[in-house]
Amino acid sequence: MECYRVLLVDDEEDIRVGISRKMDWAGLGFSLVGEAGNGQDALELAESLQPDVVLTDIKMPFLDGLELCRILKDRLPAAKFVVFSGFDDFEYAKQAIQMNVFEYILKPINANELSGVLQKLKAGLDRERAELQNRELLRRRYEESLPTLRELFFTHLLDGRVVPGQEEEKARHLELSLPGESWAVALVHIGGDAGEKDVMLALSIQQLLNENLKLEHCWCRSFLYDHSVALIAGFTGTASIYELTGALERVCALGETYLGVTLTIGVGGLCRQLSGLPMSAAGAKNALDYRGMVGRGQAIYIGDLEPDAGVRLTFDENDERTLVSAVKLGGEEEVRLAVKAMVEKVRSENAARRQYNLFFMELLTCLLKMTRSADLSLEEVFGANLTEVMQASDFPTLDTMERWCVDHCLRIQGLIRRQRTDSAGRTVERAREFIRRHYGESELSVERICEYLHLSPAYFSTLFKRETGMSFTACVTMERMEAAANALRNTEEKTYLIARKCGYEDPNYFSYVFKRHFGVSPTKFRGG
């Protein structure tokens, strides 16, 4: 079994060295994956290392241990925390208990005592994972709490097989309620080959959703759907769909931690009537198609990628999804194969001329809607004489129609890619301009800039890193350091004033970051 990952945080290097050398990490079932000398560095390390356990001192510069635990508790919902301090202070212990810290240890740290704590911690972690993976227990819970008729009802809701206007009545017959002023559908994609067929794995994921989606003013109901898991969320009051996507992000992290699988969750657009749930489900499916581009292991909201996600294609569902996916996400070869498969279907069925005409009209409608949803010019895609090719009789053979379709699909693909690149570039430039204007504000954060850009934090972070090659935090730090260096060169202002103008309330932390960035302290930089 893989060892649990440990991050050690203490501002005293000799204590870190002592702990790291004295502990039999592997024998205890752990692996020490990182060390940090202050809470701020620990936050950055935790983002990349994703530790299962954080061992941290309380008294540290820049960010104390309890505040570190408070922040990481939200970012790493599955992590466990052990804090230690040289201060025998009941107030610290009380705060630690409120933070759900596993253990509070007084310094000096005894190796035997810490080993005992880690043994208890491992037993608890093993027990949690075993409970989630106990398939027989999950089967009994499922049979007791989710009767087949209710599951079937929710499936019919998403598939559009409930008569519009009768949703609430049918729910009442099953002793269900569907509260909300608006609703959205989320669909889970399970990474790996086994996940598609493993019902019990889907049950484990459903359990994660049920236990970790507790949102204010947002009702959630998960159920098995299409070899995986679906979720219907009802929103009231001030509830935001981005709060839902944030909570789903944490579920994705828990899936990796507890179940060892990569979960990607597509979130469809909001609908104001229950009859709009099939459209939201289609948007969620469409969002999952972007996982290869945006990134797996996260929640993907269709509104971030297709603001006009309400425009849905009505072409035959399997053909539609194959063609749209090939055009939007594939390459030239995928487009040619998708079109060829459709043409071969017509050829193999030996369709009559009337059926052939209908097939072509549906295909053309699909291309027209794809063009319109991407806000492309019809003339640029189809030319000025579009009306002259509105009948299948213009194509003497299926091969002729196939060539025409391939050419126009590739044209649409090229225009969408150019548009997407331009849009991403504009978004990132707006973000960088916002950073340039606001780097001096200490409260500048990903959440604030996403509120300005109207994007979810997960999508923005992926986009920003892909387009700039650096994280949002690194970009802000670089902007602040350049401003600080310029002020040190060209003004006589005191260092603490420059620090404040560059967004650092703590001048000591400013000096620490400056030296890490430039290799010298602010004083030596100015003197040099």
Protein backbone atom coordinates (compact mmCIF):
# COMPACT_ATOMS: atom_id res chain seq x y z
CA MET A 1 0.00 0.00 0.00
CA GLU A 2 1.27 3.49 -0.86
CA CYS A 3 2.62 5.51 2.08
CA TYR A 4 0.73 8.54 3.34
CA ARG A 5 2.42 11.83 2.34
CA VAL A 6 3.69 14.16 5.10
CA LEU A 7 4.58 17.87 4.97
CA LEU A 8 6.73 19.12 7.90
CA VAL A 9 6.55 22.83 8.80
CA ASP A 10 8.72 24.52 11.45
CA ASP A 11 10.78 27.72 11.41
CA GLU A 12 13.58 26.08 13.44
CA GLU A 13 15.79 24.13 11.05
CA ASP A 14 17.36 21.94 13.75
CA ILE A 15 13.90 20.75 14.81
CA ARG A 16 12.99 19.91 11.21
CA VAL A 17 16.28 18.03 10.77
CA GLY A 18 15.77 16.17 14.03
CA ILE A 19 12.24 15.06 13.21
CA SER A 20 13.06 14.08 9.62
CA ARG A 21 16.07 11.96 10.68
CA LYS A 22 14.73 10.33 13.84
CA MET A 23 11.43 9.07 12.51
CA ASP A 24 11.15 5.69 10.76
CA TRP A 25 8.79 7.13 8.17
CA ALA A 26 8.50 4.07 5.93
CA GLY A 27 8.11 1.73 8.89
CA LEU A 28 5.23 3.86 10.17
CA GLY A 29 3.56 3.90 6.76
CA PHE A 30 4.45 7.50 5.86
CA SER A 31 6.70 9.36 3.45
CA LEU A 32 8.16 12.79 4.23
CA VAL A 33 7.62 14.59 0.91
CA GLY A 34 8.44 18.18 1.87
CA GLU A 35 9.64 20.66 4.48
CA ALA A 36 8.93 24.38 4.93
CA GLY A 37 10.37 27.01 7.23
CA ASN A 38 7.24 29.17 7.46
CA GLY A 39 3.51 28.95 6.90
CA GLN A 40 3.53 30.95 3.67
CA ASP A 41 6.02 28.60 2.01
CA ALA A 42 4.01 25.66 3.35
CA LEU A 43 0.91 26.89 1.52
CA GLU A 44 2.78 26.93 -1.79
CA LEU A 45 4.29 23.50 -1.16
CA ALA A 46 0.94 22.00 -0.15
CA GLU A 47 -0.57 23.09 -3.47
CA SER A 48 1.94 20.99 -5.43
CA LEU A 49 2.62 18.14 -2.96
CA GLN A 50 -0.99 17.48 -1.86
CA PRO A 51 0.04 15.97 1.52
CA ASP A 52 -2.18 13.62 3.50
CA VAL A 53 -0.71 14.85 6.82
CA VAL A 54 0.68 18.24 7.87
CA LEU A 55 2.94 18.43 10.93
CA THR A 56 3.29 22.10 11.87
CA ASP A 57 4.59 24.37 14.59
CA ILE A 58 2.21 27.08 15.84
CA LYS A 59 4.56 30.04 16.29
CA MET A 60 6.09 30.88 12.88
CA PRO A 61 6.80 34.06 10.91
CA PHE A 62 4.45 35.35 8.20
CA LEU A 63 1.70 32.80 8.84
CA ASP A 64 1.19 30.84 12.06
CA GLY A 65 0.36 27.15 12.26
CA LEU A 66 -3.30 27.51 13.22
CA GLU A 67 -3.98 29.89 10.33
CA LEU A 68 -2.14 27.48 8.03
CA CYS A 69 -4.42 24.66 9.23
CA ARG A 70 -7.50 26.83 8.72
CA ILE A 71 -6.59 27.59 5.09
CA LEU A 72 -5.45 24.06 4.24
CA LYS A 73 -8.58 22.57 5.82
CA ASP A 74 -10.52 24.12 2.95
CA ARG A 75 -7.95 23.48 0.21
CA LEU A 76 -7.07 19.91 1.30
CA PRO A 77 -10.31 18.58 2.80
CA ALA A 78 -8.88 15.08 3.35
CA ALA A 79 -5.66 16.18 5.07
CA LYS A 80 -5.00 15.60 8.78
CA PHE A 81 -3.13 18.08 10.99
CA VAL A 82 -0.78 17.64 13.95
CA VAL A 83 0.42 20.85 15.64
CA PHE A 84 3.20 21.31 18.16
CA SER A 85 4.30 24.29 20.23
CA GLY A 86 6.63 25.29 23.02
CA PHE A 87 3.82 27.23 24.66
CA ASP A 88 1.76 25.30 27.18
CA ASP A 89 -1.24 27.49 26.49
CA PHE A 90 -4.80 26.22 26.82
CA GLU A 91 -6.03 28.81 24.31
CA TYR A 92 -3.85 27.34 21.57
CA ALA A 93 -5.04 23.83 22.39
CA LYS A 94 -8.67 25.00 22.32
CA GLN A 95 -8.23 26.63 18.90
CA ALA A 96 -6.50 23.50 17.62
CA ILE A 97 -9.47 21.38 18.70
CA GLN A 98 -11.84 23.77 16.92
CA MET A 99 -9.76 23.34 13.75
CA ASN A 100 -10.27 19.54 13.95
CA VAL A 101 -6.53 19.11 14.51
CA PHE A 102 -5.75 15.45 15.13
CA GLU A 103 -3.19 16.02 17.92
CA TYR A 104 -1.60 18.90 19.86
CA ILE A 105 1.98 18.14 21.04
CA LEU A 106 4.12 20.22 23.38
CA LYS A 107 7.80 20.83 22.61
CA PRO A 108 10.39 19.43 23.04
CA ILE A 109 9.13 16.72 20.74
CA ASN A 110 9.78 13.17 21.80
CA ALA A 111 10.37 10.71 18.93
CA ASN A 112 8.45 7.94 20.70
CA GLU A 113 5.49 10.24 21.36
CA LEU A 114 5.39 11.42 17.76
CA SER A 115 5.67 7.81 16.54
CA GLY A 116 2.66 6.92 18.67
CA VAL A 117 0.68 9.83 17.24
CA LEU A 118 1.56 8.79 13.68
CA GLN A 119 0.55 5.18 14.39
CA LYS A 120 -2.86 6.34 15.63
CA LEU A 121 -3.14 8.69 12.67
CA LYS A 122 -2.37 5.92 10.19
CA ALA A 123 -4.95 3.64 11.81
CA GLY A 124 -7.55 6.39 11.43
CA LEU A 125 -6.62 7.07 7.81
CA ASP A 126 -6.70 3.36 6.99
CA ARG A 127 -10.09 3.06 8.64
CA GLU A 128 -11.54 5.99 6.69
CA ARG A 129 -10.37 4.57 3.37
CA ALA A 130 -11.52 1.06 4.26
CA GLU A 131 -14.99 2.36 5.12
CA LEU A 132 -15.30 4.15 1.79
CA GLN A 133 -14.04 1.09 -0.07
CA ASN A 134 -16.24 -1.38 1.74
CA ARG A 135 -18.37 -2.26 -1.23
CA GLU A 136 -20.70 -4.56 0.59
CA LEU A 137 -21.54 -1.85 3.13
CA LEU A 138 -22.15 0.64 0.34
CA ARG A 139 -24.42 -1.87 -1.42
CA ARG A 140 -26.59 -2.22 1.69
CA ARG A 141 -26.74 1.54 2.18
CA TYR A 142 -27.76 1.97 -1.43
CA GLU A 143 -30.53 -0.64 -1.24
CA GLU A 144 -31.89 0.90 1.95
CA SER A 145 -31.77 4.59 0.96
CA LEU A 146 -32.17 4.79 -2.81
CA PRO A 147 -35.01 2.63 -4.11
CA THR A 148 -34.90 1.71 -7.75
CA LEU A 149 -37.99 3.75 -8.65
CA ARG A 150 -36.41 6.95 -7.37
CA GLU A 151 -33.21 6.30 -9.32
CA LEU A 152 -35.27 5.64 -12.43
CA PHE A 153 -37.20 8.88 -11.93
CA PHE A 154 -34.03 10.99 -11.75
CA THR A 155 -32.63 9.22 -14.81
CA HIS A 156 -35.84 9.97 -16.73
CA LEU A 157 -35.61 13.62 -15.68
CA LEU A 158 -32.18 13.98 -17.27
CA ASP A 159 -33.13 11.98 -20.38
CA GLY A 160 -36.21 14.11 -21.04
CA ARG A 161 -38.63 11.21 -20.51
CA VAL A 162 -40.83 13.02 -17.98
CA VAL A 163 -43.72 14.98 -19.49
CA PRO A 164 -42.93 18.72 -19.06
CA GLY A 165 -44.94 20.17 -16.19
CA GLN A 166 -45.42 16.81 -14.43
CA GLU A 167 -42.01 16.69 -12.71
CA GLU A 168 -43.17 17.86 -9.26
CA GLU A 169 -46.28 15.65 -9.29
CA LYS A 170 -44.28 12.53 -10.10
CA ALA A 171 -41.73 13.48 -7.44
CA ARG A 172 -44.46 13.76 -4.81
CA HIS A 173 -45.70 10.26 -5.67
CA LEU A 174 -42.21 9.00 -4.80
CA GLU A 175 -42.06 11.14 -1.62
CA LEU A 176 -39.37 13.32 -3.16
CA SER A 177 -39.01 17.09 -3.38
CA LEU A 178 -37.09 19.16 -5.92
CA PRO A 179 -36.68 22.53 -4.16
CA GLY A 180 -35.13 25.52 -5.87
CA GLU A 181 -35.69 28.63 -7.96
CA SER A 182 -33.28 27.36 -10.61
CA TRP A 183 -31.54 24.04 -11.23
CA ALA A 184 -28.38 22.63 -12.81
CA VAL A 185 -27.06 19.15 -13.64
CA ALA A 186 -23.53 17.86 -12.96
CA LEU A 187 -22.12 14.64 -14.45
CA VAL A 188 -19.09 12.71 -13.16
CA HIS A 189 -16.53 11.17 -15.50
CA ILE A 190 -14.41 8.41 -13.91
CA GLY A 191 -10.87 8.20 -15.25
CA GLY A 192 -9.40 4.82 -16.16
CA ASP A 193 -10.78 1.78 -18.01
CA ALA A 194 -12.31 -0.01 -15.03
CA GLY A 195 -14.32 2.97 -13.82
CA GLU A 196 -16.75 2.88 -16.72
CA LYS A 197 -18.09 -0.56 -15.72
CA ASP A 198 -17.60 -0.63 -11.96
CA VAL A 199 -20.94 0.05 -10.27
CA MET A 200 -19.45 -0.20 -6.79
CA LEU A 201 -16.86 2.45 -7.60
CA ALA A 202 -19.69 4.68 -8.74
CA LEU A 203 -21.37 4.04 -5.38
CA SER A 204 -18.21 5.13 -3.58
CA ILE A 205 -18.19 8.36 -5.59
CA GLN A 206 -21.86 8.92 -4.80
CA GLN A 207 -21.00 8.55 -1.12
CA LEU A 208 -18.31 11.23 -1.49
CA LEU A 209 -20.82 13.60 -3.06
CA ASN A 210 -23.46 12.97 -0.39
CA GLU A 211 -21.01 13.58 2.45
CA ASN A 212 -19.19 16.61 1.05
CA LEU A 213 -21.82 18.75 -0.66
CA LYS A 214 -23.29 20.76 2.20
CA LEU A 215 -23.96 24.17 0.65
CA GLU A 216 -26.12 27.00 1.96
CA HIS A 217 -29.19 27.70 -0.17
CA CYS A 218 -28.31 24.83 -2.50
CA TRP A 219 -30.09 21.45 -2.46
CA CYS A 220 -28.18 18.55 -4.04
CA ARG A 221 -29.24 15.03 -5.00
CA SER A 222 -26.83 12.47 -6.50
CA PHE A 223 -27.73 9.20 -8.22
CA LEU A 224 -26.25 6.53 -10.48
CA TYR A 225 -26.48 7.46 -14.12
CA ASP A 226 -24.98 5.94 -17.29
CA HIS A 227 -22.36 3.78 -15.47
CA SER A 228 -21.32 6.78 -13.38
CA VAL A 229 -22.89 9.42 -11.11
CA ALA A 230 -25.07 12.47 -11.82
CA LEU A 231 -26.12 15.33 -9.57
CA ILE A 232 -29.12 17.67 -9.65
CA ALA A 233 -28.65 20.92 -7.71
CA GLY A 234 -31.45 23.34 -6.83
CA PHE A 235 -30.52 26.94 -6.02
CA THR A 236 -32.38 29.46 -3.86
CA GLY A 237 -31.54 32.93 -2.56
CA THR A 238 -27.97 34.03 -3.13
CA ALA A 239 -26.57 30.61 -3.99
CA SER A 240 -24.09 30.68 -6.87
CA ILE A 241 -23.23 27.99 -9.38
CA TYR A 242 -19.56 28.81 -8.70
CA GLU A 243 -20.06 27.78 -5.07
CA LEU A 244 -21.24 24.43 -6.41
CA THR A 245 -18.26 24.07 -8.77
CA GLY A 246 -15.91 24.93 -5.90
CA ALA A 247 -17.45 22.19 -3.74
CA LEU A 248 -17.23 19.73 -6.64
CA GLU A 249 -13.53 20.59 -7.01
CA ARG A 250 -13.01 19.39 -3.45
CA VAL A 251 -14.87 16.16 -4.23
CA CYS A 252 -12.50 15.59 -7.17
CA ALA A 253 -9.56 15.95 -4.74
CA LEU A 254 -11.16 13.49 -2.33
CA GLY A 255 -11.70 10.99 -5.15
CA GLU A 256 -7.97 11.03 -5.89
CA THR A 257 -7.11 10.72 -2.19
CA TYR A 258 -9.58 8.07 -1.03
CA LEU A 259 -10.36 6.07 -4.15
CA GLY A 260 -7.25 6.56 -6.27
CA VAL A 261 -9.26 7.63 -9.33
CA THR A 262 -9.30 10.82 -11.37
CA LEU A 263 -12.74 12.42 -11.31
CA THR A 264 -13.77 15.11 -13.78
CA ILE A 265 -17.18 16.72 -13.22
CA GLY A 266 -19.05 18.56 -15.97
CA VAL A 267 -21.53 21.21 -14.83
CA GLY A 268 -24.37 22.29 -17.13
CA GLY A 269 -26.05 25.68 -17.35
CA LEU A 270 -28.83 26.89 -15.07
CA CYS A 271 -32.47 26.32 -16.02
CA ARG A 272 -35.47 28.13 -14.54
CA GLN A 273 -37.89 25.23 -15.06
CA LEU A 274 -37.51 21.55 -14.17
CA SER A 275 -38.32 20.77 -17.79
CA GLY A 276 -34.94 22.34 -18.67
CA LEU A 277 -32.95 19.65 -16.84
CA PRO A 278 -32.28 17.62 -20.03
CA MET A 279 -30.74 20.73 -21.59
CA SER A 280 -28.55 21.30 -18.50
CA ALA A 281 -27.50 17.62 -18.66
CA ALA A 282 -26.54 18.06 -22.31
CA GLY A 283 -24.44 21.08 -21.26
CA ALA A 284 -22.73 18.98 -18.57
CA LYS A 285 -21.89 16.30 -21.16
CA ASN A 286 -20.54 18.99 -23.45
CA ALA A 287 -18.39 20.37 -20.60
CA LEU A 288 -16.84 16.90 -20.08
CA ASP A 289 -15.81 16.88 -23.74
CA TYR A 290 -13.41 19.73 -22.87
CA ARG A 291 -11.55 17.74 -20.21
CA GLY A 292 -8.67 16.95 -22.56
CA MET A 293 -8.15 20.65 -23.21
CA VAL A 294 -8.99 22.21 -19.82
CA GLY A 295 -7.63 19.40 -17.66
CA ARG A 296 -8.85 16.29 -15.90
CA GLY A 297 -9.47 15.96 -12.18
CA GLN A 298 -11.57 19.11 -11.76
CA ALA A 299 -15.05 20.57 -12.16
CA ILE A 300 -15.68 22.15 -15.59
CA TYR A 301 -18.58 24.62 -15.91
CA ILE A 302 -19.94 24.89 -19.45
CA GLY A 303 -20.67 28.59 -18.91
CA ASP A 304 -16.92 29.28 -18.66
CA LEU A 305 -16.28 27.72 -22.06
CA GLU A 306 -19.46 28.35 -24.00
CA PRO A 307 -21.28 31.44 -22.71
CA ASP A 308 -24.13 30.66 -25.09
CA ALA A 309 -24.37 27.07 -23.84
CA GLY A 310 -28.16 27.26 -24.05
CA VAL A 311 -27.94 26.76 -27.82
CA ARG A 312 -28.12 22.98 -28.22
CA LEU A 313 -27.80 20.95 -31.37
CA THR A 314 -30.74 18.73 -32.38
CA PHE A 315 -28.89 16.40 -34.75
CA ASP A 316 -29.04 12.65 -33.90
CA GLU A 317 -27.38 12.53 -30.47
CA ASN A 318 -24.61 10.02 -31.14
CA ASP A 319 -23.71 11.53 -34.50
CA GLU A 320 -23.92 15.03 -33.07
CA ARG A 321 -21.64 14.34 -30.13
CA THR A 322 -19.08 12.55 -32.28
CA LEU A 323 -18.95 15.30 -34.90
CA VAL A 324 -19.00 18.25 -32.52
CA SER A 325 -16.32 16.67 -30.35
CA ALA A 326 -14.11 16.02 -33.39
CA VAL A 327 -14.48 19.59 -34.66
CA LYS A 328 -14.04 21.35 -31.32
CA LEU A 329 -11.46 19.12 -29.64
CA GLY A 330 -9.90 16.80 -32.21
CA GLY A 331 -7.55 17.19 -35.15
CA GLU A 332 -8.00 16.80 -38.90
CA GLU A 333 -7.89 13.01 -38.71
CA GLU A 334 -10.64 12.89 -36.06
CA VAL A 335 -12.86 15.06 -38.26
CA ARG A 336 -12.32 12.84 -41.30
CA LEU A 337 -13.07 9.69 -39.29
CA ALA A 338 -16.21 11.19 -37.73
CA VAL A 339 -17.63 12.23 -41.09
CA LYS A 340 -16.67 8.93 -42.70
CA ALA A 341 -18.47 7.00 -39.94
CA MET A 342 -21.68 8.96 -40.58
CA VAL A 343 -21.49 8.47 -44.33
CA GLU A 344 -20.77 4.75 -43.90
CA LYS A 345 -23.85 4.48 -41.72
CA VAL A 346 -25.99 5.86 -44.54
CA ARG A 347 -24.26 3.64 -47.06
CA SER A 348 -24.63 0.50 -44.94
CA GLU A 349 -28.34 1.11 -44.43
CA ASN A 350 -28.82 1.57 -48.17
CA ALA A 351 -30.96 4.64 -47.49
CA ALA A 352 -33.59 5.76 -49.96
CA ARG A 353 -33.20 9.14 -51.65
CA ARG A 354 -35.75 10.74 -49.29
CA GLN A 355 -33.90 9.42 -46.23
CA TYR A 356 -30.59 10.49 -47.75
CA ASN A 357 -31.98 14.02 -48.19
CA LEU A 358 -33.21 14.11 -44.59
CA PHE A 359 -29.85 12.90 -43.31
CA PHE A 360 -28.06 15.63 -45.22
CA MET A 361 -30.46 18.30 -43.95
CA GLU A 362 -29.87 17.19 -40.37
CA LEU A 363 -26.13 17.18 -40.97
CA LEU A 364 -26.26 20.66 -42.49
CA THR A 365 -28.38 21.88 -39.59
CA CYS A 366 -25.76 20.55 -37.20
CA LEU A 367 -23.01 22.48 -39.03
CA LEU A 368 -25.11 25.64 -39.14
CA LYS A 369 -25.84 25.48 -35.42
CA MET A 370 -22.21 24.74 -34.61
CA THR A 371 -21.25 27.81 -36.65
CA ARG A 372 -23.84 29.97 -34.93
CA SER A 373 -23.02 28.77 -31.40
CA ALA A 374 -19.36 29.68 -32.00
CA ASP A 375 -20.45 33.11 -33.32
CA LEU A 376 -18.77 32.53 -36.68
CA SER A 377 -19.75 34.19 -39.94
CA LEU A 378 -21.92 31.94 -42.15
CA GLU A 379 -20.37 33.48 -45.25
CA GLU A 380 -16.87 32.78 -43.98
CA VAL A 381 -17.74 29.12 -43.40
CA PHE A 382 -20.11 28.32 -46.28
CA GLY A 383 -19.45 31.08 -48.79
CA ALA A 384 -21.87 33.64 -50.20
CA ASN A 385 -24.06 31.09 -52.04
CA LEU A 386 -25.15 28.94 -49.11
CA THR A 387 -28.72 28.55 -50.44
CA GLU A 388 -27.38 26.81 -53.53
CA VAL A 389 -26.20 23.79 -51.49
CA MET A 390 -29.28 23.30 -49.35
CA GLN A 391 -30.35 20.09 -51.11
CA ALA A 392 -28.69 16.70 -51.13
CA SER A 393 -29.27 16.50 -54.89
CA ASP A 394 -26.27 18.80 -55.25
CA PHE A 395 -24.13 15.80 -54.33
CA PRO A 396 -24.30 13.04 -56.92
CA THR A 397 -22.66 10.51 -54.58
CA LEU A 398 -22.10 9.99 -50.88
CA ASP A 399 -18.37 10.42 -51.47
CA THR A 400 -19.03 13.91 -52.83
CA MET A 401 -21.08 14.79 -49.76
CA GLU A 402 -18.35 13.38 -47.51
CA ARG A 403 -15.70 15.61 -49.11
CA TRP A 404 -17.95 18.66 -48.79
CA CYS A 405 -18.66 17.93 -45.13
CA VAL A 406 -14.99 17.32 -44.29
CA ASP A 407 -13.94 20.58 -45.95
CA HIS A 408 -16.51 22.63 -44.05
CA CYS A 409 -15.90 20.89 -40.73
CA LEU A 410 -12.19 21.63 -41.03
CA ARG A 411 -13.00 25.25 -41.89
CA ILE A 412 -15.17 25.54 -38.77
CA GLN A 413 -12.46 23.85 -36.70
CA GLY A 414 -9.80 26.32 -37.85
CA LEU A 415 -11.99 29.35 -37.16
CA ILE A 416 -12.97 28.10 -33.69
CA ARG A 417 -9.34 27.50 -32.78
CA ARG A 418 -8.37 30.97 -33.93
CA GLN A 419 -11.27 32.48 -32.01
CA ARG A 420 -10.46 30.44 -28.87
CA THR A 421 -6.82 31.48 -28.96
CA ASP A 422 -7.76 35.14 -29.38
CA SER A 423 -10.32 34.91 -26.55
CA ALA A 424 -7.90 33.20 -24.16
CA GLY A 425 -5.24 35.77 -24.95
CA ARG A 426 -7.65 38.64 -24.30
CA THR A 427 -8.78 37.12 -20.99
CA VAL A 428 -5.22 36.63 -19.76
CA GLU A 429 -4.26 40.14 -20.84
CA ARG A 430 -7.24 41.54 -18.89
CA ALA A 431 -6.06 39.54 -15.89
CA ARG A 432 -2.50 40.83 -16.16
CA GLU A 433 -3.74 44.40 -16.53
CA PHE A 434 -5.86 43.91 -13.39
CA ILE A 435 -2.77 42.64 -11.55
CA ARG A 436 -0.75 45.66 -12.73
CA ARG A 437 -3.43 48.01 -11.38
CA HIS A 438 -4.02 46.23 -8.07
CA TYR A 439 -0.73 44.54 -7.08
CA GLY A 440 -0.39 47.06 -4.23
CA GLU A 441 -3.50 45.71 -2.49
CA SER A 442 -2.69 43.02 0.06
CA GLU A 443 -6.08 41.33 -0.38
CA LEU A 444 -5.54 40.67 -4.11
CA SER A 445 -6.52 37.02 -4.69
CA VAL A 446 -7.60 34.51 -7.32
CA GLU A 447 -11.17 34.77 -6.07
CA ARG A 448 -11.22 38.55 -6.50
CA ILE A 449 -9.85 38.52 -10.04
CA CYS A 450 -12.26 35.71 -11.01
CA GLU A 451 -15.15 37.81 -9.73
CA TYR A 452 -13.92 40.60 -12.01
CA LEU A 453 -13.53 38.28 -15.02
CA HIS A 454 -16.71 36.24 -14.28
CA LEU A 455 -14.80 32.95 -14.41
CA SER A 456 -14.50 30.07 -11.96
CA PRO A 457 -11.15 29.93 -10.08
CA ALA A 458 -10.33 26.43 -11.35
CA TYR A 459 -10.80 27.35 -15.03
CA PHE A 460 -8.98 30.67 -14.64
CA SER A 461 -5.98 29.04 -12.94
CA THR A 462 -5.66 26.43 -15.69
CA LEU A 463 -6.05 29.04 -18.44
CA PHE A 464 -3.59 31.50 -16.86
CA LYS A 465 -0.92 28.83 -16.32
CA ARG A 466 -1.34 27.49 -19.85
CA GLU A 467 -1.10 30.92 -21.50
CA THR A 468 1.65 32.48 -19.35
CA GLY A 469 3.64 29.50 -18.09
CA MET A 470 3.32 30.70 -14.49
CA SER A 471 0.74 30.59 -11.72
CA PHE A 472 -1.38 33.57 -10.70
CA THR A 473 0.55 33.84 -7.40
CA ALA A 474 3.90 33.82 -9.19
CA CYS A 475 2.71 36.55 -11.57
CA VAL A 476 1.54 38.77 -8.70
CA THR A 477 4.84 38.22 -6.88
CA MET A 478 6.83 39.11 -10.01
CA GLU A 479 4.80 42.31 -10.52
CA ARG A 480 5.30 43.31 -6.88
CA MET A 481 9.01 42.57 -6.96
CA GLU A 482 9.54 44.63 -10.13
CA ALA A 483 7.70 47.55 -8.55
CA ALA A 484 9.70 47.18 -5.32
CA ALA A 485 13.01 47.05 -7.20
CA ASN A 486 12.09 50.16 -9.16
CA ALA A 487 11.17 52.03 -5.96
CA LEU A 488 14.42 50.99 -4.26
CA ARG A 489 16.47 52.20 -7.25
CA ASN A 490 14.72 55.52 -7.82
CA THR A 491 13.33 56.72 -4.46
CA GLU A 492 14.52 57.27 -0.91
CA GLU A 493 11.37 55.80 0.63
CA LYS A 494 11.81 53.57 3.63
CA THR A 495 11.61 49.84 3.00
CA TYR A 496 8.48 49.30 5.09
CA LEU A 497 6.61 51.95 3.05
CA ILE A 498 7.69 50.33 -0.22
CA ALA A 499 6.56 46.96 1.14
CA ARG A 500 3.12 48.35 1.96
CA LYS A 501 2.76 49.97 -1.47
CA CYS A 502 3.63 46.62 -3.05
CA GLY A 503 0.93 44.71 -1.16
CA TYR A 504 2.93 43.42 1.84
CA GLU A 505 1.62 44.40 5.25
CA ASP A 506 4.49 42.56 6.99
CA PRO A 507 7.85 44.19 6.09
CA ASN A 508 9.73 41.12 7.32
CA TYR A 509 7.87 38.87 4.92
CA PHE A 510 8.47 41.42 2.14
CA SER A 511 12.22 41.24 2.82
CA TYR A 512 12.06 37.43 2.85
CA VAL A 513 10.26 37.29 -0.54
CA PHE A 514 12.54 39.97 -2.01
CA LYS A 515 15.68 38.07 -1.04
CA ARG A 516 14.26 34.82 -2.39
CA HIS A 517 13.44 36.60 -5.68
CA PHE A 518 16.62 38.67 -6.19
CA GLY A 519 19.13 36.80 -4.03
CA VAL A 520 19.89 39.87 -1.85
CA SER A 521 18.01 41.83 0.80
CA PRO A 522 16.27 45.12 -0.10
CA THR A 523 18.96 47.05 1.79
CA LYS A 524 21.83 45.46 -0.14
CA PHE A 525 19.91 45.82 -3.41
CA ARG A 526 19.57 49.55 -2.82
CA GLY A 527 23.19 49.87 -1.71
CA GLY A 528 24.48 47.91 -4.69
